[in-house]
PDB file of N, CA and C in Angstrom:
ATOM      1  N   MET A   1     124.183  80.978  55.040  1.00  0.00           N
ATOM      2  CA  MET A   1     124.452  79.985  55.499  1.00  0.00           C
ATOM      3  C   MET A   1     125.989  79.060  56.012  1.00  0.00           C
ATOM      4  N   LYS A   2     125.786  78.595  56.714  1.00  0.00           N
ATOM      5  CA  LYS A   2     126.854  77.629  56.763  1.00  0.00           C
ATOM      6  C   LYS A   2     126.982  76.145  57.073  1.00  0.00           C
ATOM      7  N   ILE A   3     127.654  75.658  56.122  1.00  0.00           N
ATOM      8  CA  ILE A   3     127.754  74.051  56.348  1.00  0.00           C
ATOM      9  C   ILE A   3     128.755  73.855  56.686  1.00  0.00           C
ATOM     10  N   ILE A   4     128.265  72.539  57.823  1.00  0.00           N
ATOM     11  CA  ILE A   4     129.699  71.419  57.949  1.00  0.00           C
ATOM     12  C   ILE A   4     129.733  70.816  57.094  1.00  0.00           C
ATOM     13  N   ARG A   5     130.395  69.403  56.894  1.00  0.00           N
ATOM     14  CA  ARG A   5     130.650  68.630  56.570  1.00  0.00           C
ATOM     15  C   ARG A   5     131.538  67.913  57.690  1.00  0.00           C
ATOM     16  N   ILE A   6     130.900  66.580  57.868  1.00  0.00           N
ATOM     17  CA  ILE A   6     131.939  65.233  59.252  1.00  0.00           C
ATOM     18  C   ILE A   6     131.780  64.354  58.801  1.00  0.00           C
ATOM     19  N   SER A   7     133.227  64.003  58.106  1.00  0.00           N
ATOM     20  CA  SER A   7     133.519  62.684  57.734  1.00  0.00           C
ATOM     21  C   SER A   7     135.767  61.897  57.918  1.00  0.00           C
ATOM     22  N   SER A   8     135.019  60.780  57.254  1.00  0.00           N
ATOM     23  CA  SER A   8     136.265  60.082  57.444  1.00  0.00           C
ATOM     24  C   SER A   8     136.880  59.481  56.563  1.00  0.00           C
ATOM     25  N   VAL A   9     138.570  59.228  56.265  1.00  0.00           N
ATOM     26  CA  VAL A   9     138.790  58.820  54.966  1.00  0.00           C
ATOM     27  C   VAL A   9     138.042  56.850  55.257  1.00  0.00           C
ATOM     28  N   TRP A  10     138.200  56.467  56.212  1.00  0.00           N
ATOM     29  CA  TRP A  10     137.569  54.886  56.283  1.00  0.00           C
ATOM     30  C   TRP A  10     136.351  55.197  56.138  1.00  0.00           C
ATOM     31  N   CYS A  11     135.809  56.273  55.630  1.00  0.00           N
ATOM     32  CA  CYS A  11     133.937  56.531  55.759  1.00  0.00           C
ATOM     33  C   CYS A  11     133.667  56.358  54.318  1.00  0.00           C
ATOM     34  N   THR A  12     132.984  54.784  54.210  1.00  0.00           N
ATOM     35  CA  THR A  12     132.874  54.211  52.378  1.00  0.00           C
ATOM     36  C   THR A  12     131.536  55.514  51.797  1.00  0.00           C
ATOM     37  N   SER A  13     130.893  55.670  51.977  1.00  0.00           N
ATOM     38  CA  SER A  13     130.009  56.839  52.262  1.00  0.00           C
ATOM     39  C   SER A  13     130.007  58.386  51.906  1.00  0.00           C
ATOM     40  N   CYS A  14     131.129  58.204  52.678  1.00  0.00           N
ATOM     41  CA  CYS A  14     131.273  59.626  52.829  1.00  0.00           C
ATOM     42  C   CYS A  14     132.510  59.729  51.868  1.00  0.00           C
ATOM     43  N   ILE A  15     133.220  58.434  51.063  1.00  0.00           N
ATOM     44  CA  ILE A  15     134.134  58.769  49.440  1.00  0.00           C
ATOM     45  C   ILE A  15     133.173  58.977  48.496  1.00  0.00           C
ATOM     46  N   VAL A  16     131.762  58.165  49.020  1.00  0.00           N
ATOM     47  CA  VAL A  16     130.761  58.188  47.404  1.00  0.00           C
ATOM     48  C   VAL A  16     130.430  60.025  47.293  1.00  0.00           C
ATOM     49  N   THR A  17     129.932  60.165  48.616  1.00  0.00           N
ATOM     50  CA  THR A  17     129.308  61.767  48.522  1.00  0.00           C
ATOM     51  C   THR A  17     130.555  62.885  48.548  1.00  0.00           C
ATOM     52  N   TYR A  18     131.644  62.440  48.024  1.00  0.00           N
ATOM     53  CA  TYR A  18     132.583  63.928  48.265  1.00  0.00           C
ATOM     54  C   TYR A  18     132.512  64.431  47.292  1.00  0.00           C
ATOM     55  N   LYS A  19     131.912  63.696  46.008  1.00  0.00           N
ATOM     56  CA  LYS A  19     132.000  64.508  44.774  1.00  0.00           C
ATOM     57  C   LYS A  19     130.505  65.435  44.814  1.00  0.00           C
ATOM     58  N   PHE A  20     129.113  65.051  45.572  1.00  0.00           N
ATOM     59  CA  PHE A  20     128.857  66.150  45.599  1.00  0.00           C
ATOM     60  C   PHE A  20     128.402  67.305  46.297  1.00  0.00           C
ATOM     61  N   TRP A  21     129.389  66.917  47.257  1.00  0.00           N
ATOM     62  CA  TRP A  21     130.022  68.176  48.480  1.00  0.00           C
ATOM     63  C   TRP A  21     130.612  68.749  47.268  1.00  0.00           C
ATOM     64  N   LYS A  22     131.554  68.572  46.498  1.00  0.00           N
ATOM     65  CA  LYS A  22     132.180  69.352  46.197  1.00  0.00           C
ATOM     66  C   LYS A  22     131.191  70.144  45.031  1.00  0.00           C
ATOM     67  N   GLU A  23     130.706  69.396  44.560  1.00  0.00           N
ATOM     68  CA  GLU A  23     129.222  70.424  43.433  1.00  0.00           C
ATOM     69  C   GLU A  23     128.676  71.234  44.216  1.00  0.00           C
ATOM     70  N   LEU A  24     128.266  70.867  45.552  1.00  0.00           N
ATOM     71  CA  LEU A  24     127.255  72.193  45.986  1.00  0.00           C
ATOM     72  C   LEU A  24     127.759  73.617  46.451  1.00  0.00           C
ATOM     73  N   LYS A  25     129.071  72.946  46.974  1.00  0.00           N
ATOM     74  CA  LYS A  25     129.907  73.797  47.316  1.00  0.00           C
ATOM     75  C   LYS A  25     130.557  74.909  46.154  1.00  0.00           C
ATOM     76  N   GLN A  26     129.922  74.398  44.827  1.00  0.00           N
ATOM     77  CA  GLN A  26     130.305  74.919  43.575  1.00  0.00           C
ATOM     78  C   GLN A  26     129.163  76.089  42.827  1.00  0.00           C
ATOM     79  N   ASN A  27     128.279  75.518  43.568  1.00  0.00           N
ATOM     80  CA  ASN A  27     127.090  75.837  42.702  1.00  0.00           C
ATOM     81  C   ASN A  27     126.291  76.687  43.662  1.00  0.00           C
ATOM     82  N   ASN A  28     126.734  76.321  45.086  1.00  0.00           N
ATOM     83  CA  ASN A  28     126.389  77.494  45.918  1.00  0.00           C
ATOM     84  C   ASN A  28     127.018  78.497  47.058  1.00  0.00           C
ATOM     85  N   PRO A  29     127.619  79.109  46.029  1.00  0.00           N
ATOM     86  CA  PRO A  29     129.078  80.004  46.653  1.00  0.00           C
ATOM     87  C   PRO A  29     128.960  80.895  47.512  1.00  0.00           C
ATOM     88  N   ASN A  30     127.488  81.199  47.576  1.00  0.00           N
ATOM     89  CA  ASN A  30     127.761  82.167  49.090  1.00  0.00           C
ATOM     90  C   ASN A  30     126.991  81.575  50.520  1.00  0.00           C
ATOM     91  N   ASN A  31     127.374  80.190  50.744  1.00  0.00           N
ATOM     92  CA  ASN A  31     127.209  79.746  51.476  1.00  0.00           C
ATOM     93  C   ASN A  31     128.926  79.503  52.444  1.00  0.00           C
ATOM     94  N   GLU A  32     128.991  79.368  53.694  1.00  0.00           N
ATOM     95  CA  GLU A  32     130.310  79.211  54.209  1.00  0.00           C
ATOM     96  C   GLU A  32     130.450  77.403  54.447  1.00  0.00           C
ATOM     97  N   TYR A  33     131.271  76.404  54.188  1.00  0.00           N
ATOM     98  CA  TYR A  33     131.811  75.660  53.893  1.00  0.00           C
ATOM     99  C   TYR A  33     132.943  75.154  54.855  1.00  0.00           C
ATOM    100  N   VAL A  34     132.404  73.860  55.770  1.00  0.00           N
ATOM    101  CA  VAL A  34     133.522  73.861  56.641  1.00  0.00           C
ATOM    102  C   VAL A  34     133.461  72.552  56.491  1.00  0.00           C
ATOM    103  N   GLU A  35     134.472  71.574  56.545  1.00  0.00           N
ATOM    104  CA  GLU A  35     134.482  70.081  56.574  1.00  0.00           C
ATOM    105  C   GLU A  35     135.828  69.411  57.677  1.00  0.00           C
ATOM    106  N   TYR A  36     135.074  68.983  58.640  1.00  0.00           N
ATOM    107  CA  TYR A  36     135.772  68.381  59.592  1.00  0.00           C
ATOM    108  C   TYR A  36     135.836  66.662  59.345  1.00  0.00           C
ATOM    109  N   ASP A  37     137.216  66.349  59.629  1.00  0.00           N
ATOM    110  CA  ASP A  37     137.787  64.680  59.733  1.00  0.00           C
ATOM    111  C   ASP A  37     137.381  64.040  61.115  1.00  0.00           C
ATOM    112  N   TYR A  38     136.365  62.848  61.237  1.00  0.00           N
ATOM    113  CA  TYR A  38     136.062  62.409  62.163  1.00  0.00           C
ATOM    114  C   TYR A  38     137.065  62.099  63.155  1.00  0.00           C
ATOM    115  N   ASP A  39     137.802  61.645  62.411  1.00  0.00           N
ATOM    116  CA  ASP A  39     139.015  61.029  63.757  1.00  0.00           C
ATOM    117  C   ASP A  39     139.868  62.068  64.149  1.00  0.00           C
ATOM    118  N   GLU A  40     140.630  62.946  62.997  1.00  0.00           N
ATOM    119  CA  GLU A  40     141.394  63.674  63.502  1.00  0.00           C
ATOM    120  C   GLU A  40     141.593  65.207  63.986  1.00  0.00           C
ATOM    121  N   GLU A  41     139.761  65.301  63.831  1.00  0.00           N
ATOM    122  CA  GLU A  41     139.628  66.066  64.462  1.00  0.00           C
ATOM    123  C   GLU A  41     138.254  66.266  65.239  1.00  0.00           C
ATOM    124  N   SER A  42     138.673  65.649  66.202  1.00  0.00           N
ATOM    125  CA  SER A  42     137.805  64.724  67.426  1.00  0.00           C
ATOM    126  C   SER A  42     137.045  65.648  68.253  1.00  0.00           C
ATOM    127  N   VAL A  43     138.101  66.458  68.782  1.00  0.00           N
ATOM    128  CA  VAL A  43     137.776  67.579  69.415  1.00  0.00           C
ATOM    129  C   VAL A  43     136.752  68.901  69.075  1.00  0.00           C
ATOM    130  N   LEU A  44     136.682  68.788  67.588  1.00  0.00           N
ATOM    131  CA  LEU A  44     136.153  69.698  67.225  1.00  0.00           C
ATOM    132  C   LEU A  44     134.474  69.306  67.306  1.00  0.00           C
ATOM    133  N   VAL A  45     134.627  67.936  66.039  1.00  0.00           N
ATOM    134  CA  VAL A  45     133.699  67.333  66.283  1.00  0.00           C
ATOM    135  C   VAL A  45     132.583  66.435  67.153  1.00  0.00           C
ATOM    136  N   GLU A  46     132.922  66.438  68.373  1.00  0.00           N
ATOM    137  CA  GLU A  46     132.532  66.448  69.534  1.00  0.00           C
ATOM    138  C   GLU A  46     131.449  67.130  69.961  1.00  0.00           C
ATOM    139  N   LYS A  47     131.631  67.994  69.614  1.00  0.00           N
ATOM    140  CA  LYS A  47     130.643  69.609  70.280  1.00  0.00           C
ATOM    141  C   LYS A  47     129.275  69.257  69.442  1.00  0.00           C
ATOM    142  N   TYR A  48     129.555  68.776  68.342  1.00  0.00           N
ATOM    143  CA  TYR A  48     128.761  68.729  67.725  1.00  0.00           C
ATOM    144  C   TYR A  48     127.658  67.295  67.749  1.00  0.00           C
ATOM    145  N   ASN A  49     128.103  66.703  68.801  1.00  0.00           N
ATOM    146  CA  ASN A  49     127.706  65.539  68.618  1.00  0.00           C
ATOM    147  C   ASN A  49     126.904  64.614  67.704  1.00  0.00           C
ATOM    148  N   VAL A  50     127.990  63.868  67.020  1.00  0.00           N
ATOM    149  CA  VAL A  50     128.137  62.972  66.182  1.00  0.00           C
ATOM    150  C   VAL A  50     128.272  61.599  66.747  1.00  0.00           C
ATOM    151  N   GLY A  51     127.752  60.896  66.114  1.00  0.00           N
ATOM    152  CA  GLY A  51     127.018  59.175  66.259  1.00  0.00           C
ATOM    153  C   GLY A  51     128.088  59.087  65.641  1.00  0.00           C
ATOM    154  N   ASN A  52     128.214  57.339  65.349  1.00  0.00           N
ATOM    155  CA  ASN A  52     128.790  56.898  64.533  1.00  0.00           C
ATOM    156  C   ASN A  52     128.609  56.788  62.753  1.00  0.00           C
ATOM    157  N   ILE A  53     127.299  57.054  62.662  1.00  0.00           N
ATOM    158  CA  ILE A  53     126.672  56.841  61.305  1.00  0.00           C
ATOM    159  C   ILE A  53     127.592  58.326  60.549  1.00  0.00           C
ATOM    160  N   LEU A  54     128.184  58.137  59.184  1.00  0.00           N
ATOM    161  CA  LEU A  54     128.742  59.803  58.773  1.00  0.00           C
ATOM    162  C   LEU A  54     128.226  58.952  57.006  1.00  0.00           C
ATOM    163  N   PRO A  55     128.596  60.507  56.273  1.00  0.00           N
ATOM    164  CA  PRO A  55     128.539  61.665  56.920  1.00  0.00           C
ATOM    165  C   PRO A  55     127.549  62.406  57.424  1.00  0.00           C
ATOM    166  N   VAL A  56     128.147  63.513  57.982  1.00  0.00           N
ATOM    167  CA  VAL A  56     127.219  64.274  59.027  1.00  0.00           C
ATOM    168  C   VAL A  56     127.188  65.831  58.318  1.00  0.00           C
ATOM    169  N   ILE A  57     126.042  66.215  57.719  1.00  0.00           N
ATOM    170  CA  ILE A  57     126.156  67.812  57.276  1.00  0.00           C
ATOM    171  C   ILE A  57     125.232  68.285  58.267  1.00  0.00           C
ATOM    172  N   ILE A  58     125.649  69.452  58.976  1.00  0.00           N
ATOM    173  CA  ILE A  58     124.705  70.492  59.678  1.00  0.00           C
ATOM    174  C   ILE A  58     124.853  71.659  59.424  1.00  0.00           C
ATOM    175  N   ILE A  59     123.691  71.772  59.191  1.00  0.00           N
ATOM    176  CA  ILE A  59     123.381  73.448  58.365  1.00  0.00           C
ATOM    177  C   ILE A  59     122.922  74.470  59.399  1.00  0.00           C
ATOM    178  N   PHE A  60     123.744  75.529  59.256  1.00  0.00           N
ATOM    179  CA  PHE A  60     123.813  76.819  60.545  1.00  0.00           C
ATOM    180  C   PHE A  60     122.601  77.874  59.666  1.00  0.00           C
ATOM    181  N   ASP A  61     121.737  78.924  60.412  1.00  0.00           N
ATOM    182  CA  ASP A  61     121.519  79.853  60.415  1.00  0.00           C
ATOM    183  C   ASP A  61     121.725  80.582  61.272  1.00  0.00           C
ATOM    184  N   ASN A  62     122.925  81.902  61.547  1.00  0.00           N
ATOM    185  CA  ASN A  62     122.707  82.716  62.607  1.00  0.00           C
ATOM    186  C   ASN A  62     123.111  81.768  63.319  1.00  0.00           C
ATOM    187  N   ASP A  63     124.171  80.612  63.160  1.00  0.00           N
ATOM    188  CA  ASP A  63     124.969  80.168  64.256  1.00  0.00           C
ATOM    189  C   ASP A  63     123.683  79.266  65.327  1.00  0.00           C
ATOM    190  N   LYS A  64     122.966  79.029  64.665  1.00  0.00           N
ATOM    191  CA  LYS A  64     121.561  77.727  64.958  1.00  0.00           C
ATOM    192  C   LYS A  64     121.164  76.913  64.299  1.00  0.00           C
ATOM    193  N   GLU A  65     121.227  76.054  64.538  1.00  0.00           N
ATOM    194  CA  GLU A  65     121.058  74.287  63.999  1.00  0.00           C
ATOM    195  C   GLU A  65     119.617  74.386  63.510  1.00  0.00           C
ATOM    196  N   ILE A  66     119.738  74.402  62.182  1.00  0.00           N
ATOM    197  CA  ILE A  66     118.072  74.415  60.939  1.00  0.00           C
ATOM    198  C   ILE A  66     118.045  72.961  60.794  1.00  0.00           C
ATOM    199  N   LYS A  67     119.177  71.983  60.529  1.00  0.00           N
ATOM    200  CA  LYS A  67     119.392  70.960  60.093  1.00  0.00           C
ATOM    201  C   LYS A  67     120.379  69.977  60.076  1.00  0.00           C
ATOM    202  N   ARG A  68     119.704  68.765  60.115  1.00  0.00           N
ATOM    203  CA  ARG A  68     120.925  67.999  60.375  1.00  0.00           C
ATOM    204  C   ARG A  68     121.137  66.289  59.113  1.00  0.00           C
ATOM    205  N   ILE A  69     121.802  66.142  58.674  1.00  0.00           N
ATOM    206  CA  ILE A  69     121.799  65.571  57.273  1.00  0.00           C
ATOM    207  C   ILE A  69     122.787  64.385  57.599  1.00  0.00           C
ATOM    208  N   VAL A  70     122.304  63.078  58.247  1.00  0.00           N
ATOM    209  CA  VAL A  70     123.156  61.886  58.792  1.00  0.00           C
ATOM    210  C   VAL A  70     123.114  60.656  57.803  1.00  0.00           C
ATOM    211  N   GLY A  71     124.080  60.219  57.319  1.00  0.00           N
ATOM    212  CA  GLY A  71     124.244  59.715  56.029  1.00  0.00           C
ATOM    213  C   GLY A  71     124.453  59.156  55.287  1.00  0.00           C
ATOM    214  N   GLU A  72     124.865  58.763  54.488  1.00  0.00           N
ATOM    215  CA  GLU A  72     124.550  59.193  52.816  1.00  0.00           C
ATOM    216  C   GLU A  72     123.477  59.136  52.399  1.00  0.00           C
ATOM    217  N   LYS A  73     123.142  60.444  51.045  1.00  0.00           N
ATOM    218  CA  LYS A  73     122.292  60.661  50.601  1.00  0.00           C
ATOM    219  C   LYS A  73     122.618  60.660  49.106  1.00  0.00           C
ATOM    220  N   SER A  74     121.266  60.657  48.265  1.00  0.00           N
ATOM    221  CA  SER A  74     121.731  60.449  46.790  1.00  0.00           C
ATOM    222  C   SER A  74     121.691  62.095  46.715  1.00  0.00           C
ATOM    223  N   LYS A  75     122.444  62.630  45.548  1.00  0.00           N
ATOM    224  CA  LYS A  75     122.793  63.852  45.029  1.00  0.00           C
ATOM    225  C   LYS A  75     121.872  64.622  44.919  1.00  0.00           C
ATOM    226  N   LYS A  76     121.016  64.110  44.659  1.00  0.00           N
ATOM    227  CA  LYS A  76     119.640  64.900  44.507  1.00  0.00           C
ATOM    228  C   LYS A  76     118.689  64.763  45.965  1.00  0.00           C
ATOM    229  N   GLU A  77     118.887  64.126  46.828  1.00  0.00           N
ATOM    230  CA  GLU A  77     118.501  64.471  48.263  1.00  0.00           C
ATOM    231  C   GLU A  77     119.175  65.285  48.877  1.00  0.00           C
ATOM    232  N   MET A  78     120.534  65.232  48.610  1.00  0.00           N
ATOM    233  CA  MET A  78     121.349  66.246  49.167  1.00  0.00           C
ATOM    234  C   MET A  78     120.745  67.596  48.644  1.00  0.00           C
ATOM    235  N   PHE A  79     120.621  67.987  47.982  1.00  0.00           N
ATOM    236  CA  PHE A  79     121.134  69.118  46.942  1.00  0.00           C
ATOM    237  C   PHE A  79     119.891  69.282  47.258  1.00  0.00           C
ATOM    238  N   ASP A  80     118.120  68.962  47.141  1.00  0.00           N
ATOM    239  CA  ASP A  80     116.821  69.412  47.427  1.00  0.00           C
ATOM    240  C   ASP A  80     116.817  69.826  49.091  1.00  0.00           C
ATOM    241  N   ILE A  81     117.503  68.811  49.939  1.00  0.00           N
ATOM    242  CA  ILE A  81     117.031  69.171  51.547  1.00  0.00           C
ATOM    243  C   ILE A  81     117.703  70.577  51.461  1.00  0.00           C
ATOM    244  N   ILE A  82     119.304  70.850  51.386  1.00  0.00           N
ATOM    245  CA  ILE A  82     119.581  72.123  51.184  1.00  0.00           C
ATOM    246  C   ILE A  82     119.215  73.477  50.431  1.00  0.00           C
ATOM    247  N   ASN A  83     118.470  73.084  49.152  1.00  0.00           N
ATOM    248  CA  ASN A  83     118.009  73.740  48.198  1.00  0.00           C
ATOM    249  C   ASN A  83     117.089  74.274  49.083  1.00  0.00           C
ATOM    250  N   SER A  84     116.349  73.446  49.565  1.00  0.00           N
ATOM    251  CA  SER A  84     114.997  74.134  50.384  1.00  0.00           C
ATOM    252  C   SER A  84     114.933  74.540  51.575  1.00  0.00           C
ATOM    253  N   ILE A  85     116.002  74.563  52.395  1.00  0.00           N
ATOM    254  CA  ILE A  85     116.084  75.643  53.326  1.00  0.00           C
ATOM    255  C   ILE A  85     116.596  77.171  52.702  1.00  0.00           C
ATOM    256  N   GLY A  86     117.321  77.071  51.880  1.00  0.00           N
ATOM    257  CA  GLY A  86     118.240  78.329  51.149  1.00  0.00           C
ATOM    258  C   GLY A  86     116.305  79.154  51.070  1.00  0.00           C
ATOM    259  N   GLU A  87     115.305  78.492  50.317  1.00  0.00           N
ATOM    260  CA  GLU A  87     114.057  79.391  49.567  1.00  0.00           C
ATOM    261  C   GLU A  87     114.151  80.613  51.123  1.00  0.00           C
TER     262      GLU A  87
END
């Protein structure tokens, strides 16, 4: 799976959930992880049709989007969503 995280330095929810993102990467090393800054990489971000609510995590399987997580989620919610997809 490829998992993309779109966040920004001004986004409080992005800052709060960043430690979960790092932990997710460490616990699931077989996935490909990509992170984009909403402002600095706006051209790349545009192709994902991201609105104003951050962070956004988009999960792909064979280049097909299979799940989108928008906004701040608890560590448990985020891990449960991603782990359920991998089953």
